[in-house]
C-alpha atoms as a PDB file:
ATOM      1  CA  MET A   1      29.597   6.846  12.599  1.00  0.00           C
ATOM      2  CA  ALA A   2      30.537   8.768   9.504  1.00  0.00           C
ATOM      3  CA  ASN A   3      33.285  11.366   9.663  1.00  0.00           C
ATOM      4  CA  ILE A   4      32.581  13.189   6.414  1.00  0.00           C
ATOM      5  CA  LYS A   5      30.012  15.985   6.587  1.00  0.00           C
ATOM      6  CA  SER A   6      28.079  14.893   3.496  1.00  0.00           C
ATOM      7  CA  ALA A   7      27.918  11.309   4.788  1.00  0.00           C
ATOM      8  CA  LYS A   8      26.410  12.566   8.063  1.00  0.00           C
ATOM      9  CA  LYS A   9      23.808  14.471   6.071  1.00  0.00           C
ATOM     10  CA  ARG A  10      22.989  11.395   3.989  1.00  0.00           C
ATOM     11  CA  ILE A  11      22.463   9.362   7.174  1.00  0.00           C
ATOM     12  CA  LYS A  12      19.959  11.942   8.425  1.00  0.00           C
ATOM     13  CA  ILE A  13      18.171  11.985   5.075  1.00  0.00           C
ATOM     14  CA  ALA A  14      18.041   8.183   4.947  1.00  0.00           C
ATOM     15  CA  GLU A  15      16.508   8.036   8.424  1.00  0.00           C
ATOM     16  CA  ARG A  16      13.941  10.677   7.533  1.00  0.00           C
ATOM     17  CA  ASN A  17      12.994   8.898   4.308  1.00  0.00           C
ATOM     18  CA  ALA A  18      12.780   5.529   6.080  1.00  0.00           C
ATOM     19  CA  ALA A  19      10.381   6.989   8.639  1.00  0.00           C
ATOM     20  CA  ARG A  20       8.238   8.515   5.895  1.00  0.00           C
ATOM     21  CA  ASN A  21       8.179   5.259   3.926  1.00  0.00           C
ATOM     22  CA  LYS A  22       7.296   3.271   7.038  1.00  0.00           C
ATOM     23  CA  ALA A  23       4.344   5.547   7.804  1.00  0.00           C
ATOM     24  CA  TYR A  24       3.140   5.359   4.204  1.00  0.00           C
ATOM     25  CA  LYS A  25       3.417   1.566   4.104  1.00  0.00           C
ATOM     26  CA  SER A  26       1.542   1.320   7.385  1.00  0.00           C
ATOM     27  CA  SER A  27      -1.378   3.390   6.124  1.00  0.00           C
ATOM     28  CA  MET A  28      -1.368   1.428   2.870  1.00  0.00           C
ATOM     29  CA  LYS A  29      -1.521  -1.888   4.738  1.00  0.00           C
ATOM     30  CA  THR A  30      -4.381  -0.552   6.846  1.00  0.00           C
ATOM     31  CA  LEU A  31      -6.381   0.340   3.742  1.00  0.00           C
ATOM     32  CA  ILE A  32      -5.666  -3.087   2.228  1.00  0.00           C
ATOM     33  CA  LYS A  33      -6.887  -4.807   5.395  1.00  0.00           C
ATOM     34  CA  LYS A  34     -10.025  -2.654   5.433  1.00  0.00           C
ATOM     35  CA  ALA A  35     -10.681  -3.542   1.796  1.00  0.00           C
ATOM     36  CA  ASN A  36     -10.226  -7.256   2.525  1.00  0.00           C
ATOM     37  CA  VAL A  37     -12.623  -7.098   5.482  1.00  0.00           C
ATOM     38  CA  ALA A  38     -15.179  -5.148   3.458  1.00  0.00           C
ATOM     39  CA  LEU A  39     -14.965  -7.616   0.585  1.00  0.00           C
ATOM     40  CA  GLU A  40     -15.306 -10.655   2.826  1.00  0.00           C
ATOM     41  CA  SER A  41     -18.241  -9.224   4.741  1.00  0.00           C
ATOM     42  CA  GLY A  42     -19.965  -8.118   1.550  1.00  0.00           C
ATOM     43  CA  ALA A  43     -20.349  -4.575   2.837  1.00  0.00           C
ATOM     44  CA  GLU A  44     -21.933  -1.931   0.634  1.00  0.00           C
ATOM     45  CA  ASN A  45     -18.772   0.180   0.730  1.00  0.00           C
ATOM     46  CA  SER A  46     -16.523  -2.673  -0.398  1.00  0.00           C
ATOM     47  CA  GLN A  47     -15.951  -1.172  -3.850  1.00  0.00           C
ATOM     48  CA  GLU A  48     -15.067   2.194  -2.312  1.00  0.00           C
ATOM     49  CA  ALA A  49     -12.621   0.518   0.062  1.00  0.00           C
ATOM     50  CA  LEU A  50     -11.112  -1.384  -2.842  1.00  0.00           C
ATOM     51  CA  LYS A  51     -10.681   1.809  -4.882  1.00  0.00           C
ATOM     52  CA  ALA A  52      -9.079   3.587  -1.925  1.00  0.00           C
ATOM     53  CA  ALA A  53      -6.610   0.749  -1.379  1.00  0.00           C
ATOM     54  CA  ILE A  54      -5.669   0.583  -5.060  1.00  0.00           C
ATOM     55  CA  ALA A  55      -5.229   4.355  -5.210  1.00  0.00           C
ATOM     56  CA  LYS A  56      -2.944   4.257  -2.162  1.00  0.00           C
ATOM     57  CA  ILE A  57      -0.893   1.441  -3.707  1.00  0.00           C
ATOM     58  CA  ASP A  58      -0.532   3.375  -6.969  1.00  0.00           C
ATOM     59  CA  ARG A  59       0.528   6.468  -5.061  1.00  0.00           C
ATOM     60  CA  ALA A  60       3.156   4.420  -3.201  1.00  0.00           C
ATOM     61  CA  VAL A  61       4.728   3.503  -6.544  1.00  0.00           C
ATOM     62  CA  VAL A  62       4.806   7.146  -7.619  1.00  0.00           C
ATOM     63  CA  LYS A  63       6.429   8.157  -4.339  1.00  0.00           C
ATOM     64  CA  GLY A  64       9.007   5.382  -4.626  1.00  0.00           C
ATOM     65  CA  VAL A  65       7.842   3.500  -1.545  1.00  0.00           C
ATOM     66  CA  LEU A  66       6.969   0.319  -3.483  1.00  0.00           C
ATOM     67  CA  HIS A  67       8.353  -1.306  -6.591  1.00  0.00           C
ATOM     68  CA  LYS A  68       5.875  -1.412  -9.464  1.00  0.00           C
ATOM     69  CA  ASN A  69       5.812  -5.211  -9.568  1.00  0.00           C
ATOM     70  CA  ASN A  70       5.127  -5.382  -5.835  1.00  0.00           C
ATOM     71  CA  ALA A  71       2.245  -2.955  -6.295  1.00  0.00           C
ATOM     72  CA  ALA A  72       0.911  -4.943  -9.251  1.00  0.00           C
ATOM     73  CA  ARG A  73       0.952  -8.104  -7.138  1.00  0.00           C
ATOM     74  CA  LYS A  74      -0.949  -6.407  -4.308  1.00  0.00           C
ATOM     75  CA  LYS A  75      -3.555  -4.936  -6.660  1.00  0.00           C
ATOM     76  CA  SER A  76      -3.935  -8.240  -8.466  1.00  0.00           C
ATOM     77  CA  SER A  77      -4.605 -10.147  -5.269  1.00  0.00           C
ATOM     78  CA  LEU A  78      -7.223  -7.591  -4.217  1.00  0.00           C
ATOM     79  CA  ALA A  79      -8.929  -7.740  -7.616  1.00  0.00           C
ATOM     80  CA  LYS A  80      -8.832 -11.527  -7.614  1.00  0.00           C
ATOM     81  CA  LYS A  81     -10.476 -11.638  -4.208  1.00  0.00           C
ATOM     82  CA  ALA A  82     -13.135  -9.140  -5.313  1.00  0.00           C
ATOM     83  CA  THR A  83     -14.065 -11.094  -8.447  1.00  0.00           C
ATOM     84  CA  SER A  84     -14.101 -14.441  -6.664  1.00  0.00           C
ATOM     85  CA  LEU A  85     -16.439 -13.096  -3.984  1.00  0.00           C
ATOM     86  CA  GLN A  86     -18.697 -11.544  -6.632  1.00  0.00           C
ATOM     87  CA  LYS A  87     -18.945 -14.900  -8.375  1.00  0.00           C
ATOM     88  CA  LYS A  88     -19.914 -16.590  -5.110  1.00  0.00           C
ATOM     89  CA  GLU A  89     -22.688 -14.058  -4.557  1.00  0.00           C
ATOM     90  CA  ALA A  90     -24.108 -14.545  -8.040  1.00  0.00           C
END
């Protein structure tokens, strides 16, 4: 345990930020899973689910939860899946 007052404060802040980031990542993963399910099932709302997931990923980068390259990789895999499934339908 830290002895210095500012170090104790930083520990509290780090815990608070970690909890916030964890909640944000969890909701982001949920939206990604919903988008994947919607794309695979060919649901009518698949494009809406895809847009929501991409928007959440972009917001995670702005908030500092994800690195930009990590976000780009996630968005790329979603887009790749969407285009491949569209080609199969056509």
